[in-house]
Amino acid sequence: MADKLEVSQQTINAIEKGKFDPSLPLAFKLARLFSMSIESIFDDEVRVDAESG
């Protein structure tokens, strides 16, 4: 997956663990790769921010 997204495996691991938020261009690549909307990439983050805010 890292190769397809043109990022390091460390970046993928950090995103999966919630330690790194993908840049907008990377989020678009993730959305295309998984056939998801861009909103769904950030959906959990928005929900968490709203709950803590």
C-alpha atoms as a PDB file:
ATOM      1  CA  MET A   1       0.000   0.000   0.000  1.00  0.00           C
ATOM      2  CA  ALA A   2       2.835   2.407   0.817  1.00  0.00           C
ATOM      3  CA  ASP A   3       4.198   1.979  -2.705  1.00  0.00           C
ATOM      4  CA  LYS A   4       0.806   2.689  -4.277  1.00  0.00           C
ATOM      5  CA  LEU A   5       0.456   5.841  -2.184  1.00  0.00           C
ATOM      6  CA  GLU A   6       4.089   6.862  -2.711  1.00  0.00           C
ATOM      7  CA  VAL A   7       4.785   7.153   1.027  1.00  0.00           C
ATOM      8  CA  SER A   8       6.910   5.196   3.477  1.00  0.00           C
ATOM      9  CA  GLN A   9       5.654   2.226   5.443  1.00  0.00           C
ATOM     10  CA  GLN A  10       6.310   4.311   8.574  1.00  0.00           C
ATOM     11  CA  THR A  11       3.783   6.865   7.342  1.00  0.00           C
ATOM     12  CA  ILE A  12       1.174   4.151   6.805  1.00  0.00           C
ATOM     13  CA  ASN A  13       1.819   2.747  10.287  1.00  0.00           C
ATOM     14  CA  ALA A  14       1.507   6.199  11.865  1.00  0.00           C
ATOM     15  CA  ILE A  15      -1.791   6.865  10.071  1.00  0.00           C
ATOM     16  CA  GLU A  16      -3.169   3.475  11.153  1.00  0.00           C
ATOM     17  CA  LYS A  17      -2.215   4.175  14.783  1.00  0.00           C
ATOM     18  CA  GLY A  18      -3.715   7.660  14.704  1.00  0.00           C
ATOM     19  CA  LYS A  19      -0.351   9.319  15.287  1.00  0.00           C
ATOM     20  CA  PHE A  20      -0.323  11.133  11.946  1.00  0.00           C
ATOM     21  CA  ASP A  21      -3.057  12.885  10.005  1.00  0.00           C
ATOM     22  CA  PRO A  22      -2.682  12.457   6.260  1.00  0.00           C
ATOM     23  CA  SER A  23      -2.197  15.540   4.145  1.00  0.00           C
ATOM     24  CA  LEU A  24      -5.058  16.451   1.861  1.00  0.00           C
ATOM     25  CA  PRO A  25      -3.323  15.047  -1.249  1.00  0.00           C
ATOM     26  CA  LEU A  26      -2.584  11.803   0.612  1.00  0.00           C
ATOM     27  CA  ALA A  27      -6.160  11.634   1.888  1.00  0.00           C
ATOM     28  CA  PHE A  28      -7.411  11.875  -1.701  1.00  0.00           C
ATOM     29  CA  LYS A  29      -5.074   9.040  -2.698  1.00  0.00           C
ATOM     30  CA  LEU A  30      -6.353   6.938   0.221  1.00  0.00           C
ATOM     31  CA  ALA A  31      -9.953   7.656  -0.736  1.00  0.00           C
ATOM     32  CA  ARG A  32      -9.331   6.594  -4.340  1.00  0.00           C
ATOM     33  CA  LEU A  33      -7.414   3.486  -3.291  1.00  0.00           C
ATOM     34  CA  PHE A  34     -10.246   2.297  -1.031  1.00  0.00           C
ATOM     35  CA  SER A  35     -13.125   3.648  -3.178  1.00  0.00           C
ATOM     36  CA  MET A  36     -14.242   5.914  -0.344  1.00  0.00           C
ATOM     37  CA  SER A  37     -15.322   9.522  -0.176  1.00  0.00           C
ATOM     38  CA  ILE A  38     -12.789  12.045   1.067  1.00  0.00           C
ATOM     39  CA  GLU A  39     -15.191  12.896   3.902  1.00  0.00           C
ATOM     40  CA  SER A  40     -15.066   9.344   5.193  1.00  0.00           C
ATOM     41  CA  ILE A  41     -11.277   9.565   5.528  1.00  0.00           C
ATOM     42  CA  PHE A  42     -11.653  12.368   8.072  1.00  0.00           C
ATOM     43  CA  ASP A  43     -15.043  11.363   9.530  1.00  0.00           C
ATOM     44  CA  ASP A  44     -13.711   9.778  12.745  1.00  0.00           C
ATOM     45  CA  GLU A  45     -11.456  12.767  13.384  1.00  0.00           C
ATOM     46  CA  VAL A  46     -14.380  15.171  13.030  1.00  0.00           C
ATOM     47  CA  ARG A  47     -16.482  13.104  15.411  1.00  0.00           C
ATOM     48  CA  VAL A  48     -13.699  12.960  18.018  1.00  0.00           C
ATOM     49  CA  ASP A  49     -13.076  16.718  17.770  1.00  0.00           C
ATOM     50  CA  ALA A  50     -16.784  17.469  18.181  1.00  0.00           C
ATOM     51  CA  GLU A  51     -17.042  15.236  21.239  1.00  0.00           C
ATOM     52  CA  SER A  52     -14.007  16.758  22.953  1.00  0.00           C
ATOM     53  CA  GLY A  53     -14.774  20.334  21.894  1.00  0.00           C
END
